[in-house]
Amino acid sequence: MTAIEQTEAARPRGTRLPRRARRNQLLGAAQEVFVAQGYHAAAMDDIAERAGVSKPVLYQHFPGKLDLYLALLDQHCESLIQSVRHALASTTDNKQRVRATMDAYFAYVEDDGGAFRLVFESDLTNEPAVRERVDKVTNECAEAICEVIAEDTGLSRAESMLLASGLGGLAQVVARSWLHSDRSVPRDQAVQLLTSLAWRGIAGFPLHGTEHH
C-alpha cells in the first residue's frame, strides 16, 4: 500500500492510529498537497485538513513544513535508487540491463502519486537540504550504473562515472519529457526506443578482456 493509499484508508478525523501508521498517513497527505500546489503554496493547514487531523497532531510528527518535505524526499529518493539497483541486478545481459534501468525511470515518473515532481521538479531547489537530497539520488543512481560499467569494460572509475551520469541523465530527462507529452508513444515502445539509443552508445565499449561484445 502506498503512502497515498494509506492516507485514503486512514483519513477519518479522530481515528487513533499507531505512530508509524499515522506518520505514513501524514506523508501521504503531504505528498498530495505538495505535488498539487508546490512547496511554497502549500500550507500545514492544508496538509492537516487533507489528512483529517488537527494541526497539533501534524506538528507532533513533523516540527515544520520543511521537515515534512525532507521526509518525503528521503522516502522517494531512496525508492528510485533501489529501483535502479534492482534493475541492474535483474539480469547479467547488458542490453537487458540498459532496458531495465531505462524502464525504472519511466516507472518512477509514471507513478500516480507524482512523487518524482518533488525530486526532479521541486520549487525548493535553492534550499541546501533539498539540493543535497536531489544530488544524492542523481549521484547514487550514477554510482550504481558506474559499478557495472567499470566492471564490464575495464574503464577507469572516472570514465565509467561520466558514462553512468550520461545514461542516468538521459533516462531521467526523456522519461519526464515523455510523461509531459501526450504519451502518444506507449511506454514500452518509448523505453525500447531509448534503450536502442543508449545501447548503440554503450555497446561500443568492449567487455573487459574481449575484443567485442
C-alpha atoms as a PDB file:
ATOM      1  CA  MET A   1       0.000   0.000   0.000  1.00  0.00           C
ATOM      2  CA  THR A   2       1.405   3.407  -0.979  1.00  0.00           C
ATOM      3  CA  ALA A   3       1.546   6.431   1.313  1.00  0.00           C
ATOM      4  CA  ILE A   4      -1.366   7.998  -0.549  1.00  0.00           C
ATOM      5  CA  GLU A   5      -3.442   4.809  -0.293  1.00  0.00           C
ATOM      6  CA  GLN A   6      -2.707   4.765   3.424  1.00  0.00           C
ATOM      7  CA  THR A   7      -3.934   8.345   3.613  1.00  0.00           C
ATOM      8  CA  GLU A   8      -7.210   7.426   1.926  1.00  0.00           C
ATOM      9  CA  ALA A   9      -7.670   4.431   4.207  1.00  0.00           C
ATOM     10  CA  ALA A  10      -6.967   6.348   7.398  1.00  0.00           C
ATOM     11  CA  ARG A  11      -8.419   9.786   6.666  1.00  0.00           C
ATOM     12  CA  PRO A  12     -11.483   9.946   9.018  1.00  0.00           C
ATOM     13  CA  ARG A  13     -10.806  12.605  11.666  1.00  0.00           C
ATOM     14  CA  GLY A  14     -10.369  11.360  15.202  1.00  0.00           C
ATOM     15  CA  THR A  15      -9.263   7.845  14.318  1.00  0.00           C
ATOM     16  CA  ARG A  16      -6.447   6.699  16.591  1.00  0.00           C
ATOM     17  CA  LEU A  17      -3.569   5.115  14.708  1.00  0.00           C
ATOM     18  CA  PRO A  18      -0.223   3.615  15.724  1.00  0.00           C
ATOM     19  CA  ARG A  19       2.558   6.187  15.379  1.00  0.00           C
ATOM     20  CA  ARG A  20       4.073   4.633  12.244  1.00  0.00           C
ATOM     21  CA  ALA A  21       0.688   4.378  10.527  1.00  0.00           C
ATOM     22  CA  ARG A  22      -0.121   7.988  11.423  1.00  0.00           C
ATOM     23  CA  ARG A  23       3.223   9.145  10.098  1.00  0.00           C
ATOM     24  CA  ASN A  24       2.634   7.331   6.812  1.00  0.00           C
ATOM     25  CA  GLN A  25      -0.830   8.833   6.605  1.00  0.00           C
ATOM     26  CA  LEU A  26       0.556  12.334   7.087  1.00  0.00           C
ATOM     27  CA  LEU A  27       3.253  11.750   4.483  1.00  0.00           C
ATOM     28  CA  GLY A  28       0.634  10.599   2.001  1.00  0.00           C
ATOM     29  CA  ALA A  29      -1.466  13.705   2.611  1.00  0.00           C
ATOM     30  CA  ALA A  30       1.589  15.954   2.358  1.00  0.00           C
ATOM     31  CA  GLN A  31       2.606  14.354  -0.921  1.00  0.00           C
ATOM     32  CA  GLU A  32      -0.799  15.082  -2.418  1.00  0.00           C
ATOM     33  CA  VAL A  33      -0.648  18.722  -1.332  1.00  0.00           C
ATOM     34  CA  PHE A  34       2.981  19.346  -2.308  1.00  0.00           C
ATOM     35  CA  VAL A  35       2.546  17.746  -5.740  1.00  0.00           C
ATOM     36  CA  ALA A  36      -0.621  19.735  -6.417  1.00  0.00           C
ATOM     37  CA  GLN A  37       0.490  23.098  -5.028  1.00  0.00           C
ATOM     38  CA  GLY A  38       4.275  23.118  -4.792  1.00  0.00           C
ATOM     39  CA  TYR A  39       6.199  23.695  -1.587  1.00  0.00           C
ATOM     40  CA  HIS A  40       5.750  27.442  -1.284  1.00  0.00           C
ATOM     41  CA  ALA A  41       1.993  27.480  -1.870  1.00  0.00           C
ATOM     42  CA  ALA A  42       1.312  24.503   0.395  1.00  0.00           C
ATOM     43  CA  ALA A  43       0.292  25.188   3.975  1.00  0.00           C
ATOM     44  CA  MET A  44       0.404  22.964   7.015  1.00  0.00           C
ATOM     45  CA  ASP A  45      -3.320  23.732   7.439  1.00  0.00           C
ATOM     46  CA  ASP A  46      -3.956  22.211   4.002  1.00  0.00           C
ATOM     47  CA  ILE A  47      -1.968  19.099   4.862  1.00  0.00           C
ATOM     48  CA  ALA A  48      -3.691  18.619   8.216  1.00  0.00           C
ATOM     49  CA  GLU A  49      -7.073  19.062   6.572  1.00  0.00           C
ATOM     50  CA  ARG A  50      -6.165  16.630   3.808  1.00  0.00           C
ATOM     51  CA  ALA A  51      -5.084  14.049   6.395  1.00  0.00           C
ATOM     52  CA  GLY A  52      -8.165  14.633   8.547  1.00  0.00           C
ATOM     53  CA  VAL A  53      -6.157  15.561  11.642  1.00  0.00           C
ATOM     54  CA  SER A  54      -5.626  18.677  13.728  1.00  0.00           C
ATOM     55  CA  LYS A  55      -2.526  20.815  13.251  1.00  0.00           C
ATOM     56  CA  PRO A  56      -1.187  19.839  16.712  1.00  0.00           C
ATOM     57  CA  VAL A  57      -1.253  16.188  15.631  1.00  0.00           C
ATOM     58  CA  LEU A  58       0.654  17.081  12.461  1.00  0.00           C
ATOM     59  CA  TYR A  59       3.243  19.052  14.451  1.00  0.00           C
ATOM     60  CA  GLN A  60       3.703  16.145  16.854  1.00  0.00           C
ATOM     61  CA  HIS A  61       5.191  14.191  13.965  1.00  0.00           C
ATOM     62  CA  PHE A  62       6.826  16.951  11.926  1.00  0.00           C
ATOM     63  CA  PRO A  63       8.065  20.189  13.550  1.00  0.00           C
ATOM     64  CA  GLY A  64       7.632  22.195  10.361  1.00  0.00           C
ATOM     65  CA  LYS A  65       6.782  22.157   6.677  1.00  0.00           C
ATOM     66  CA  LEU A  66      10.417  21.714   5.606  1.00  0.00           C
ATOM     67  CA  ASP A  67      10.820  18.683   7.891  1.00  0.00           C
ATOM     68  CA  LEU A  68       7.782  17.123   6.246  1.00  0.00           C
ATOM     69  CA  TYR A  69       9.061  17.865   2.762  1.00  0.00           C
ATOM     70  CA  LEU A  70      12.505  16.431   3.528  1.00  0.00           C
ATOM     71  CA  ALA A  71      10.962  13.252   4.944  1.00  0.00           C
ATOM     72  CA  LEU A  72       9.099  12.785   1.665  1.00  0.00           C
ATOM     73  CA  LEU A  73      12.246  13.445  -0.338  1.00  0.00           C
ATOM     74  CA  ASP A  74      14.190  10.875   1.683  1.00  0.00           C
ATOM     75  CA  GLN A  75      11.467   8.310   1.035  1.00  0.00           C
ATOM     76  CA  HIS A  76      11.139   8.905  -2.692  1.00  0.00           C
ATOM     77  CA  CYS A  77      14.840   9.388  -3.440  1.00  0.00           C
ATOM     78  CA  GLU A  78      15.551   6.035  -1.835  1.00  0.00           C
ATOM     79  CA  SER A  79      12.750   4.474  -3.874  1.00  0.00           C
ATOM     80  CA  LEU A  80      14.394   5.455  -7.174  1.00  0.00           C
ATOM     81  CA  ILE A  81      17.853   4.400  -6.008  1.00  0.00           C
ATOM     82  CA  GLN A  82      16.555   0.963  -5.039  1.00  0.00           C
ATOM     83  CA  SER A  83      14.656   0.631  -8.331  1.00  0.00           C
ATOM     84  CA  VAL A  84      17.796   1.346 -10.349  1.00  0.00           C
ATOM     85  CA  ARG A  85      19.861  -1.090  -8.277  1.00  0.00           C
ATOM     86  CA  HIS A  86      17.201  -3.761  -8.694  1.00  0.00           C
ATOM     87  CA  ALA A  87      17.112  -3.177 -12.468  1.00  0.00           C
ATOM     88  CA  LEU A  88      20.888  -3.567 -12.736  1.00  0.00           C
ATOM     89  CA  ALA A  89      20.834  -6.754 -10.661  1.00  0.00           C
ATOM     90  CA  SER A  90      17.871  -8.265 -12.501  1.00  0.00           C
ATOM     91  CA  THR A  91      19.961  -9.764 -15.333  1.00  0.00           C
ATOM     92  CA  THR A  92      23.541 -10.320 -16.499  1.00  0.00           C
ATOM     93  CA  ASP A  93      22.600  -9.474 -20.093  1.00  0.00           C
ATOM     94  CA  ASN A  94      23.892  -5.938 -20.528  1.00  0.00           C
ATOM     95  CA  LYS A  95      21.374  -4.894 -23.162  1.00  0.00           C
ATOM     96  CA  GLN A  96      18.557  -6.049 -20.896  1.00  0.00           C
ATOM     97  CA  ARG A  97      20.234  -4.195 -18.030  1.00  0.00           C
ATOM     98  CA  VAL A  98      20.061  -0.989 -20.047  1.00  0.00           C
ATOM     99  CA  ARG A  99      16.391  -1.604 -20.801  1.00  0.00           C
ATOM    100  CA  ALA A 100      15.536  -2.428 -17.198  1.00  0.00           C
ATOM    101  CA  THR A 101      17.292   0.707 -15.998  1.00  0.00           C
ATOM    102  CA  MET A 102      15.511   2.925 -18.518  1.00  0.00           C
ATOM    103  CA  ASP A 103      12.199   1.339 -17.539  1.00  0.00           C
ATOM    104  CA  ALA A 104      12.911   2.006 -13.865  1.00  0.00           C
ATOM    105  CA  TYR A 105      12.982   5.736 -14.582  1.00  0.00           C
ATOM    106  CA  PHE A 106       9.808   5.584 -16.672  1.00  0.00           C
ATOM    107  CA  ALA A 107       8.016   3.652 -13.926  1.00  0.00           C
ATOM    108  CA  TYR A 108       9.189   6.188 -11.370  1.00  0.00           C
ATOM    109  CA  VAL A 109       7.838   9.220 -13.222  1.00  0.00           C
ATOM    110  CA  GLU A 110       4.621   7.425 -14.178  1.00  0.00           C
ATOM    111  CA  ASP A 111       3.687   6.613 -10.584  1.00  0.00           C
ATOM    112  CA  ASP A 112       0.216   8.005  -9.856  1.00  0.00           C
ATOM    113  CA  GLY A 113       1.368   9.896  -6.776  1.00  0.00           C
ATOM    114  CA  GLY A 114       3.615  12.208  -8.797  1.00  0.00           C
ATOM    115  CA  ALA A 115       6.449  11.875  -6.273  1.00  0.00           C
ATOM    116  CA  PHE A 116       9.070  12.452  -8.984  1.00  0.00           C
ATOM    117  CA  ARG A 117       7.943  16.101  -9.085  1.00  0.00           C
ATOM    118  CA  LEU A 118       9.197  16.569  -5.537  1.00  0.00           C
ATOM    119  CA  VAL A 119      12.593  15.192  -6.537  1.00  0.00           C
ATOM    120  CA  PHE A 120      13.174  16.478 -10.068  1.00  0.00           C
ATOM    121  CA  GLU A 121      10.784  19.438 -10.381  1.00  0.00           C
ATOM    122  CA  SER A 122      10.890  20.933  -6.904  1.00  0.00           C
ATOM    123  CA  ASP A 123      10.325  24.656  -6.385  1.00  0.00           C
ATOM    124  CA  LEU A 124      12.685  24.466  -3.420  1.00  0.00           C
ATOM    125  CA  THR A 125      15.983  23.506  -5.047  1.00  0.00           C
ATOM    126  CA  ASN A 126      17.721  26.575  -3.612  1.00  0.00           C
ATOM    127  CA  GLU A 127      17.270  25.093  -0.137  1.00  0.00           C
ATOM    128  CA  PRO A 128      20.588  23.339   0.706  1.00  0.00           C
ATOM    129  CA  ALA A 129      18.942  20.335   2.376  1.00  0.00           C
ATOM    130  CA  VAL A 130      16.742  19.766  -0.676  1.00  0.00           C
ATOM    131  CA  ARG A 131      19.617  20.248  -3.097  1.00  0.00           C
ATOM    132  CA  GLU A 132      21.658  17.730  -1.101  1.00  0.00           C
ATOM    133  CA  ARG A 133      18.972  15.073  -1.473  1.00  0.00           C
ATOM    134  CA  VAL A 134      18.427  15.713  -5.176  1.00  0.00           C
ATOM    135  CA  ASP A 135      22.175  15.484  -5.760  1.00  0.00           C
ATOM    136  CA  LYS A 136      22.286  12.305  -3.683  1.00  0.00           C
ATOM    137  CA  VAL A 137      19.706  10.460  -5.771  1.00  0.00           C
ATOM    138  CA  THR A 138      21.415  11.525  -9.001  1.00  0.00           C
ATOM    139  CA  ASN A 139      24.845  10.525  -7.740  1.00  0.00           C
ATOM    140  CA  GLU A 140      23.829   7.222  -6.149  1.00  0.00           C
ATOM    141  CA  CYS A 141      21.982   6.090  -9.267  1.00  0.00           C
ATOM    142  CA  ALA A 142      25.036   7.012 -11.331  1.00  0.00           C
ATOM    143  CA  GLU A 143      27.300   5.187  -8.865  1.00  0.00           C
ATOM    144  CA  ALA A 144      25.243   2.014  -9.251  1.00  0.00           C
ATOM    145  CA  ILE A 145      25.454   2.208 -13.048  1.00  0.00           C
ATOM    146  CA  CYS A 146      29.145   3.119 -12.837  1.00  0.00           C
ATOM    147  CA  GLU A 147      29.986  -0.066 -10.945  1.00  0.00           C
ATOM    148  CA  VAL A 148      28.570  -2.219 -13.738  1.00  0.00           C
ATOM    149  CA  ILE A 149      30.285  -0.229 -16.489  1.00  0.00           C
ATOM    150  CA  ALA A 150      33.664  -0.271 -14.744  1.00  0.00           C
ATOM    151  CA  GLU A 151      33.465  -4.000 -14.039  1.00  0.00           C
ATOM    152  CA  ASP A 152      32.423  -4.909 -17.574  1.00  0.00           C
ATOM    153  CA  THR A 153      34.617  -2.551 -19.589  1.00  0.00           C
ATOM    154  CA  GLY A 154      37.734  -2.067 -17.505  1.00  0.00           C
ATOM    155  CA  LEU A 155      37.411   1.700 -17.899  1.00  0.00           C
ATOM    156  CA  SER A 156      38.628   3.858 -15.032  1.00  0.00           C
ATOM    157  CA  ARG A 157      36.175   4.872 -12.361  1.00  0.00           C
ATOM    158  CA  ALA A 158      36.213   8.470 -13.573  1.00  0.00           C
ATOM    159  CA  GLU A 159      35.463   7.388 -17.152  1.00  0.00           C
ATOM    160  CA  SER A 160      32.775   4.969 -16.030  1.00  0.00           C
ATOM    161  CA  MET A 161      31.170   7.633 -13.853  1.00  0.00           C
ATOM    162  CA  LEU A 162      30.905  10.015 -16.808  1.00  0.00           C
ATOM    163  CA  LEU A 163      29.180   7.365 -18.892  1.00  0.00           C
ATOM    164  CA  ALA A 164      26.919   6.400 -15.997  1.00  0.00           C
ATOM    165  CA  SER A 165      25.918  10.016 -15.395  1.00  0.00           C
ATOM    166  CA  GLY A 166      25.095  10.312 -19.086  1.00  0.00           C
ATOM    167  CA  LEU A 167      22.892   7.220 -19.051  1.00  0.00           C
ATOM    168  CA  GLY A 168      21.093   8.233 -15.860  1.00  0.00           C
ATOM    169  CA  GLY A 169      20.566  11.779 -17.062  1.00  0.00           C
ATOM    170  CA  LEU A 170      19.280  10.549 -20.410  1.00  0.00           C
ATOM    171  CA  ALA A 171      16.788   8.229 -18.727  1.00  0.00           C
ATOM    172  CA  GLN A 172      15.512  10.870 -16.320  1.00  0.00           C
ATOM    173  CA  VAL A 173      15.116  13.690 -18.849  1.00  0.00           C
ATOM    174  CA  VAL A 174      13.495  11.540 -21.534  1.00  0.00           C
ATOM    175  CA  ALA A 175      11.135   9.847 -19.067  1.00  0.00           C
ATOM    176  CA  ARG A 176       9.949  13.227 -17.808  1.00  0.00           C
ATOM    177  CA  SER A 177       9.614  14.556 -21.356  1.00  0.00           C
ATOM    178  CA  TRP A 178       7.543  11.517 -22.287  1.00  0.00           C
ATOM    179  CA  LEU A 179       5.297  11.970 -19.252  1.00  0.00           C
ATOM    180  CA  HIS A 180       4.650  15.636 -20.041  1.00  0.00           C
ATOM    181  CA  SER A 181       3.853  14.888 -23.685  1.00  0.00           C
ATOM    182  CA  ASP A 182       0.553  13.457 -24.858  1.00  0.00           C
ATOM    183  CA  ARG A 183       2.114   9.983 -24.428  1.00  0.00           C
ATOM    184  CA  SER A 184       1.103   9.017 -27.960  1.00  0.00           C
ATOM    185  CA  VAL A 185       4.110   6.684 -27.844  1.00  0.00           C
ATOM    186  CA  PRO A 186       3.223   3.806 -25.462  1.00  0.00           C
ATOM    187  CA  ARG A 187       5.547   3.380 -22.501  1.00  0.00           C
ATOM    188  CA  ASP A 188       7.005   0.044 -23.653  1.00  0.00           C
ATOM    189  CA  GLN A 189       7.767   1.490 -27.062  1.00  0.00           C
ATOM    190  CA  ALA A 190       9.281   4.632 -25.549  1.00  0.00           C
ATOM    191  CA  VAL A 191      11.512   2.529 -23.302  1.00  0.00           C
ATOM    192  CA  GLN A 192      12.579   0.407 -26.259  1.00  0.00           C
ATOM    193  CA  LEU A 193      13.439   3.480 -28.347  1.00  0.00           C
ATOM    194  CA  LEU A 194      15.527   4.916 -25.549  1.00  0.00           C
ATOM    195  CA  THR A 195      17.176   1.550 -24.925  1.00  0.00           C
ATOM    196  CA  SER A 196      18.174   1.324 -28.593  1.00  0.00           C
ATOM    197  CA  LEU A 197      19.698   4.794 -28.446  1.00  0.00           C
ATOM    198  CA  ALA A 198      21.598   4.143 -25.220  1.00  0.00           C
ATOM    199  CA  TRP A 199      22.703   0.636 -26.224  1.00  0.00           C
ATOM    200  CA  ARG A 200      24.172   1.839 -29.524  1.00  0.00           C
ATOM    201  CA  GLY A 201      26.448   4.064 -27.478  1.00  0.00           C
ATOM    202  CA  ILE A 202      27.419   1.902 -24.526  1.00  0.00           C
ATOM    203  CA  ALA A 203      27.827  -1.242 -26.656  1.00  0.00           C
ATOM    204  CA  GLY A 204      30.734   0.489 -28.394  1.00  0.00           C
ATOM    205  CA  PHE A 205      32.862  -0.207 -25.311  1.00  0.00           C
ATOM    206  CA  PRO A 206      34.118  -3.812 -25.440  1.00  0.00           C
ATOM    207  CA  LEU A 207      33.701  -6.120 -22.489  1.00  0.00           C
ATOM    208  CA  HIS A 208      36.822  -6.211 -20.326  1.00  0.00           C
ATOM    209  CA  GLY A 209      39.321  -8.680 -21.787  1.00  0.00           C
ATOM    210  CA  THR A 210      37.498  -9.177 -25.089  1.00  0.00           C
ATOM    211  CA  GLU A 211      37.630  -7.551 -28.492  1.00  0.00           C
ATOM    212  CA  HIS A 212      33.869  -7.025 -28.788  1.00  0.00           C
ATOM    213  CA  HIS A 213      30.512  -7.809 -27.145  1.00  0.00           C
END
